[in-house]
Amino acid sequence: FGAAGDHDVIRFKEDEKQMEVSLDTSHYKPEELHVQVQDGVLCIEGKHEEKSEDGKKTVSRRFQRKYTLPRGTHSENVSSNLSSDGVLVVKAIKSQPSTEVEIKMNK
């Protein structure tokens, strides 16, 4: 069992504007891939099963990757895109810090 799998991380990039993860998911069908955000954690999962024609053998593969979202990132700012060659790209846009400070008046 080598370290390389069929769901290798192609690239992980984070800068001041966004976090981006690219995964090779070419061995999975789109309906076998799931991306969700819960409690500030991005979870990417894939599960594939296939049976031989005679029904005697089953092959299954599965992966799960979890990433903590950058502070202040909201789940509605997370998007995913699956290319025709099986590369899944998940982006999380970081919230821009507010430069305006509200002035409250004491009464």
N, C-alpha and C. Protein backbone atom coordinates (compact mmCIF):
# COMPACT_ATOMS: atom_id res chain seq x y z
N PHE A 1 0.85 -1.19 0.00
CA PHE A 1 0.00 0.00 0.00
C PHE A 1 0.89 1.24 0.00
N GLY A 2 0.87 1.96 -1.10
CA GLY A 2 1.68 3.17 -1.19
C GLY A 2 0.92 4.37 -0.69
N ALA A 3 1.62 5.46 -0.60
CA ALA A 3 0.99 6.71 -0.14
C ALA A 3 0.09 7.29 -1.22
N ALA A 4 0.39 6.99 -2.48
CA ALA A 4 -0.40 7.54 -3.58
C ALA A 4 -1.73 6.79 -3.67
N GLY A 5 -2.82 7.53 -3.82
CA GLY A 5 -4.13 6.92 -3.97
C GLY A 5 -4.83 7.53 -5.16
N ASP A 6 -6.08 7.14 -5.34
CA ASP A 6 -6.82 7.67 -6.48
C ASP A 6 -7.52 8.98 -6.14
N HIS A 7 -7.24 9.53 -4.99
CA HIS A 7 -7.85 10.79 -4.56
C HIS A 7 -6.78 11.77 -4.10
N ASP A 8 -5.66 11.71 -4.75
CA ASP A 8 -4.53 12.54 -4.33
C ASP A 8 -4.86 14.02 -4.36
N VAL A 9 -4.31 14.72 -3.41
CA VAL A 9 -4.42 16.17 -3.42
C VAL A 9 -3.46 16.67 -4.49
N ILE A 10 -4.01 17.31 -5.50
CA ILE A 10 -3.19 17.86 -6.58
C ILE A 10 -2.55 19.15 -6.10
N ARG A 11 -3.37 19.96 -5.40
CA ARG A 11 -2.85 21.25 -4.94
C ARG A 11 -3.68 21.74 -3.75
N PHE A 12 -2.99 22.34 -2.80
CA PHE A 12 -3.63 23.06 -1.71
C PHE A 12 -3.01 24.45 -1.70
N LYS A 13 -3.85 25.45 -1.82
CA LYS A 13 -3.34 26.82 -1.89
C LYS A 13 -4.16 27.70 -0.98
N GLU A 14 -3.49 28.56 -0.23
CA GLU A 14 -4.19 29.52 0.61
C GLU A 14 -3.46 30.84 0.53
N ASP A 15 -4.22 31.90 0.28
CA ASP A 15 -3.66 33.25 0.31
C ASP A 15 -4.60 34.14 1.11
N GLU A 16 -4.41 35.45 1.00
CA GLU A 16 -5.22 36.35 1.83
C GLU A 16 -6.68 36.40 1.39
N LYS A 17 -7.00 35.91 0.17
CA LYS A 17 -8.36 36.00 -0.33
C LYS A 17 -9.15 34.70 -0.25
N GLN A 18 -8.46 33.56 -0.41
CA GLN A 18 -9.19 32.31 -0.45
C GLN A 18 -8.32 31.11 -0.11
N MET A 19 -9.00 29.99 0.16
CA MET A 19 -8.36 28.70 0.32
C MET A 19 -8.89 27.84 -0.83
N GLU A 20 -8.00 27.08 -1.47
CA GLU A 20 -8.42 26.26 -2.60
C GLU A 20 -7.77 24.88 -2.51
N VAL A 21 -8.58 23.84 -2.67
CA VAL A 21 -8.11 22.46 -2.65
C VAL A 21 -8.49 21.82 -3.98
N SER A 22 -7.53 21.18 -4.64
CA SER A 22 -7.79 20.44 -5.87
C SER A 22 -7.47 18.97 -5.63
N LEU A 23 -8.44 18.10 -5.95
CA LEU A 23 -8.27 16.65 -5.74
C LEU A 23 -8.50 15.90 -7.04
N ASP A 24 -7.71 14.86 -7.26
CA ASP A 24 -7.94 13.97 -8.39
C ASP A 24 -9.01 12.96 -7.97
N THR A 25 -10.21 13.12 -8.51
CA THR A 25 -11.32 12.22 -8.18
C THR A 25 -11.81 11.50 -9.43
N SER A 26 -10.91 11.27 -10.37
CA SER A 26 -11.29 10.70 -11.67
C SER A 26 -11.86 9.28 -11.57
N HIS A 27 -11.64 8.59 -10.46
CA HIS A 27 -12.18 7.24 -10.29
C HIS A 27 -13.56 7.24 -9.64
N TYR A 28 -14.13 8.42 -9.46
CA TYR A 28 -15.44 8.54 -8.83
C TYR A 28 -16.42 9.22 -9.77
N LYS A 29 -17.69 8.81 -9.69
CA LYS A 29 -18.75 9.48 -10.43
C LYS A 29 -19.16 10.72 -9.64
N PRO A 30 -19.71 11.74 -10.32
CA PRO A 30 -20.12 12.95 -9.59
C PRO A 30 -21.05 12.67 -8.41
N GLU A 31 -21.97 11.73 -8.58
CA GLU A 31 -22.91 11.43 -7.50
C GLU A 31 -22.26 10.69 -6.33
N GLU A 32 -21.01 10.25 -6.51
CA GLU A 32 -20.29 9.56 -5.43
C GLU A 32 -19.43 10.51 -4.60
N LEU A 33 -19.45 11.79 -4.96
CA LEU A 33 -18.65 12.80 -4.27
C LEU A 33 -19.56 13.71 -3.46
N HIS A 34 -19.10 14.08 -2.28
CA HIS A 34 -19.89 14.96 -1.41
C HIS A 34 -18.96 15.99 -0.77
N VAL A 35 -19.41 17.24 -0.80
CA VAL A 35 -18.68 18.34 -0.17
C VAL A 35 -19.64 19.01 0.80
N GLN A 36 -19.22 19.17 2.04
CA GLN A 36 -20.07 19.86 3.01
C GLN A 36 -19.24 20.63 4.01
N VAL A 37 -19.89 21.61 4.62
CA VAL A 37 -19.26 22.42 5.65
C VAL A 37 -20.08 22.28 6.91
N GLN A 38 -19.39 21.96 8.01
CA GLN A 38 -20.08 21.85 9.29
C GLN A 38 -19.15 22.32 10.39
N ASP A 39 -19.63 23.26 11.18
CA ASP A 39 -18.87 23.78 12.33
C ASP A 39 -17.48 24.28 11.92
N GLY A 40 -17.41 24.97 10.77
CA GLY A 40 -16.14 25.55 10.34
C GLY A 40 -15.16 24.56 9.73
N VAL A 41 -15.63 23.35 9.44
CA VAL A 41 -14.76 22.33 8.84
C VAL A 41 -15.31 21.94 7.47
N LEU A 42 -14.44 21.98 6.47
CA LEU A 42 -14.77 21.55 5.12
C LEU A 42 -14.50 20.05 5.04
N CYS A 43 -15.50 19.27 4.64
CA CYS A 43 -15.35 17.82 4.53
C CYS A 43 -15.62 17.41 3.09
N ILE A 44 -14.66 16.72 2.48
CA ILE A 44 -14.78 16.23 1.12
C ILE A 44 -14.72 14.71 1.18
N GLU A 45 -15.75 14.06 0.64
CA GLU A 45 -15.83 12.60 0.71
C GLU A 45 -16.13 12.01 -0.65
N GLY A 46 -15.63 10.80 -0.86
CA GLY A 46 -15.96 10.04 -2.05
C GLY A 46 -16.12 8.58 -1.67
N LYS A 47 -17.13 7.94 -2.26
CA LYS A 47 -17.36 6.52 -1.99
C LYS A 47 -17.80 5.86 -3.28
N HIS A 48 -17.09 4.79 -3.67
CA HIS A 48 -17.39 4.09 -4.91
C HIS A 48 -17.44 2.59 -4.64
N GLU A 49 -18.48 1.94 -5.17
CA GLU A 49 -18.59 0.49 -5.08
C GLU A 49 -19.00 -0.05 -6.44
N GLU A 50 -18.40 -1.17 -6.81
CA GLU A 50 -18.85 -1.84 -8.03
C GLU A 50 -18.75 -3.34 -7.82
N LYS A 51 -19.73 -4.04 -8.41
CA LYS A 51 -19.76 -5.50 -8.29
C LYS A 51 -19.37 -6.10 -9.63
N SER A 52 -18.73 -7.26 -9.55
CA SER A 52 -18.40 -7.97 -10.79
C SER A 52 -19.70 -8.45 -11.45
N GLU A 53 -19.61 -8.79 -12.73
CA GLU A 53 -20.81 -9.19 -13.46
C GLU A 53 -21.48 -10.42 -12.84
N ASP A 54 -20.69 -11.33 -12.29
CA ASP A 54 -21.29 -12.51 -11.67
C ASP A 54 -21.76 -12.26 -10.25
N GLY A 55 -21.48 -11.05 -9.72
CA GLY A 55 -21.95 -10.68 -8.39
C GLY A 55 -21.15 -11.27 -7.25
N LYS A 56 -20.05 -11.94 -7.56
CA LYS A 56 -19.27 -12.61 -6.53
C LYS A 56 -18.21 -11.72 -5.90
N LYS A 57 -17.83 -10.66 -6.61
CA LYS A 57 -16.78 -9.77 -6.10
C LYS A 57 -17.31 -8.35 -6.02
N THR A 58 -16.88 -7.66 -4.99
CA THR A 58 -17.22 -6.25 -4.84
C THR A 58 -15.93 -5.48 -4.63
N VAL A 59 -15.78 -4.41 -5.38
CA VAL A 59 -14.64 -3.52 -5.22
C VAL A 59 -15.17 -2.21 -4.67
N SER A 60 -14.54 -1.73 -3.60
CA SER A 60 -14.98 -0.44 -3.07
C SER A 60 -13.76 0.40 -2.74
N ARG A 61 -13.94 1.70 -2.91
CA ARG A 61 -12.90 2.64 -2.50
C ARG A 61 -13.60 3.83 -1.88
N ARG A 62 -12.89 4.44 -0.96
CA ARG A 62 -13.50 5.55 -0.21
C ARG A 62 -12.40 6.48 0.27
N PHE A 63 -12.70 7.77 0.34
CA PHE A 63 -11.77 8.71 0.94
C PHE A 63 -12.54 9.79 1.67
N GLN A 64 -11.86 10.42 2.60
CA GLN A 64 -12.42 11.55 3.33
C GLN A 64 -11.27 12.49 3.66
N ARG A 65 -11.46 13.75 3.32
CA ARG A 65 -10.48 14.79 3.65
C ARG A 65 -11.21 15.88 4.42
N LYS A 66 -10.57 16.37 5.47
CA LYS A 66 -11.16 17.46 6.26
C LYS A 66 -10.15 18.59 6.37
N TYR A 67 -10.67 19.82 6.23
CA TYR A 67 -9.85 21.02 6.33
C TYR A 67 -10.59 22.03 7.20
N THR A 68 -9.88 22.62 8.13
CA THR A 68 -10.46 23.70 8.92
C THR A 68 -10.49 24.95 8.07
N LEU A 69 -11.67 25.55 7.96
CA LEU A 69 -11.80 26.76 7.16
C LEU A 69 -11.09 27.93 7.84
N PRO A 70 -10.57 28.84 7.05
CA PRO A 70 -9.95 30.04 7.63
C PRO A 70 -10.96 30.79 8.49
N ARG A 71 -10.46 31.43 9.54
CA ARG A 71 -11.32 32.18 10.45
C ARG A 71 -12.16 33.20 9.68
N GLY A 72 -13.44 33.23 10.01
CA GLY A 72 -14.35 34.19 9.39
C GLY A 72 -14.94 33.75 8.06
N THR A 73 -14.58 32.57 7.57
CA THR A 73 -15.14 32.08 6.31
C THR A 73 -16.52 31.50 6.57
N HIS A 74 -17.49 31.89 5.76
CA HIS A 74 -18.87 31.42 5.91
C HIS A 74 -19.15 30.30 4.92
N SER A 75 -20.00 29.36 5.29
CA SER A 75 -20.29 28.21 4.44
C SER A 75 -20.86 28.62 3.09
N GLU A 76 -21.57 29.74 3.02
CA GLU A 76 -22.13 30.18 1.74
C GLU A 76 -21.04 30.69 0.79
N ASN A 77 -19.83 30.88 1.29
CA ASN A 77 -18.70 31.31 0.45
C ASN A 77 -17.83 30.14 0.01
N VAL A 78 -18.33 28.91 0.18
CA VAL A 78 -17.62 27.72 -0.26
C VAL A 78 -18.29 27.21 -1.52
N SER A 79 -17.49 26.93 -2.55
CA SER A 79 -18.03 26.41 -3.80
C SER A 79 -17.15 25.26 -4.29
N SER A 80 -17.74 24.39 -5.11
CA SER A 80 -16.97 23.28 -5.67
C SER A 80 -17.29 23.15 -7.15
N ASN A 81 -16.30 22.64 -7.89
CA ASN A 81 -16.45 22.46 -9.33
C ASN A 81 -15.73 21.19 -9.73
N LEU A 82 -16.40 20.35 -10.51
CA LEU A 82 -15.81 19.10 -10.99
C LEU A 82 -15.57 19.22 -12.48
N SER A 83 -14.30 19.11 -12.88
CA SER A 83 -13.96 19.22 -14.30
C SER A 83 -14.26 17.91 -15.02
N SER A 84 -14.27 17.95 -16.34
CA SER A 84 -14.58 16.77 -17.13
C SER A 84 -13.53 15.68 -16.98
N ASP A 85 -12.30 16.05 -16.58
CA ASP A 85 -11.25 15.04 -16.39
C ASP A 85 -11.14 14.56 -14.94
N GLY A 86 -12.14 14.92 -14.10
CA GLY A 86 -12.20 14.35 -12.76
C GLY A 86 -11.46 15.11 -11.68
N VAL A 87 -11.11 16.36 -11.95
CA VAL A 87 -10.46 17.17 -10.91
C VAL A 87 -11.53 17.97 -10.17
N LEU A 88 -11.62 17.73 -8.87
CA LEU A 88 -12.56 18.44 -8.02
C LEU A 88 -11.84 19.61 -7.37
N VAL A 89 -12.33 20.82 -7.60
CA VAL A 89 -11.74 22.01 -7.02
C VAL A 89 -12.75 22.61 -6.05
N VAL A 90 -12.33 22.77 -4.80
CA VAL A 90 -13.19 23.37 -3.77
C VAL A 90 -12.53 24.67 -3.32
N LYS A 91 -13.31 25.76 -3.39
CA LYS A 91 -12.79 27.08 -3.00
C LYS A 91 -13.59 27.62 -1.83
N ALA A 92 -12.89 28.25 -0.90
CA ALA A 92 -13.52 28.94 0.22
C ALA A 92 -13.02 30.37 0.20
N ILE A 93 -13.92 31.30 -0.11
CA ILE A 93 -13.57 32.71 -0.16
C ILE A 93 -13.57 33.26 1.27
N LYS A 94 -12.48 33.89 1.64
CA LYS A 94 -12.38 34.45 2.98
C LYS A 94 -13.20 35.74 3.07
N SER A 95 -13.82 35.93 4.21
CA SER A 95 -14.57 37.16 4.44
C SER A 95 -13.60 38.32 4.56
N GLN A 96 -13.97 39.40 3.94
CA GLN A 96 -13.12 40.59 4.01
C GLN A 96 -13.35 41.28 5.35
N PRO A 97 -12.28 41.61 6.03
CA PRO A 97 -12.46 42.33 7.29
C PRO A 97 -13.06 43.71 7.02
N SER A 98 -13.94 44.09 7.88
CA SER A 98 -14.60 45.38 7.73
C SER A 98 -13.62 46.52 8.05
N THR A 99 -13.60 47.52 7.18
CA THR A 99 -12.74 48.66 7.44
C THR A 99 -13.54 49.79 8.08
N GLU A 100 -14.86 49.67 8.02
CA GLU A 100 -15.74 50.66 8.65
C GLU A 100 -16.02 50.24 10.07
N VAL A 101 -15.93 51.15 10.98
CA VAL A 101 -16.26 50.86 12.37
C VAL A 101 -17.47 51.71 12.73
N GLU A 102 -18.52 51.04 13.20
CA GLU A 102 -19.72 51.75 13.58
C GLU A 102 -19.47 52.56 14.83
N ILE A 103 -19.95 53.81 14.84
CA ILE A 103 -19.83 54.69 16.00
C ILE A 103 -21.16 54.64 16.75
N LYS A 104 -21.11 54.15 17.97
CA LYS A 104 -22.32 54.07 18.77
C LYS A 104 -22.40 55.30 19.65
N MET A 105 -23.59 55.81 19.78
CA MET A 105 -23.81 56.99 20.60
C MET A 105 -24.36 56.57 21.96
N ASN A 106 -23.78 57.08 23.03
CA ASN A 106 -24.28 56.84 24.36
C ASN A 106 -25.41 57.82 24.65
N LYS A 107 -26.47 57.33 25.23
CA LYS A 107 -27.60 58.21 25.52
C LYS A 107 -27.69 58.49 27.00
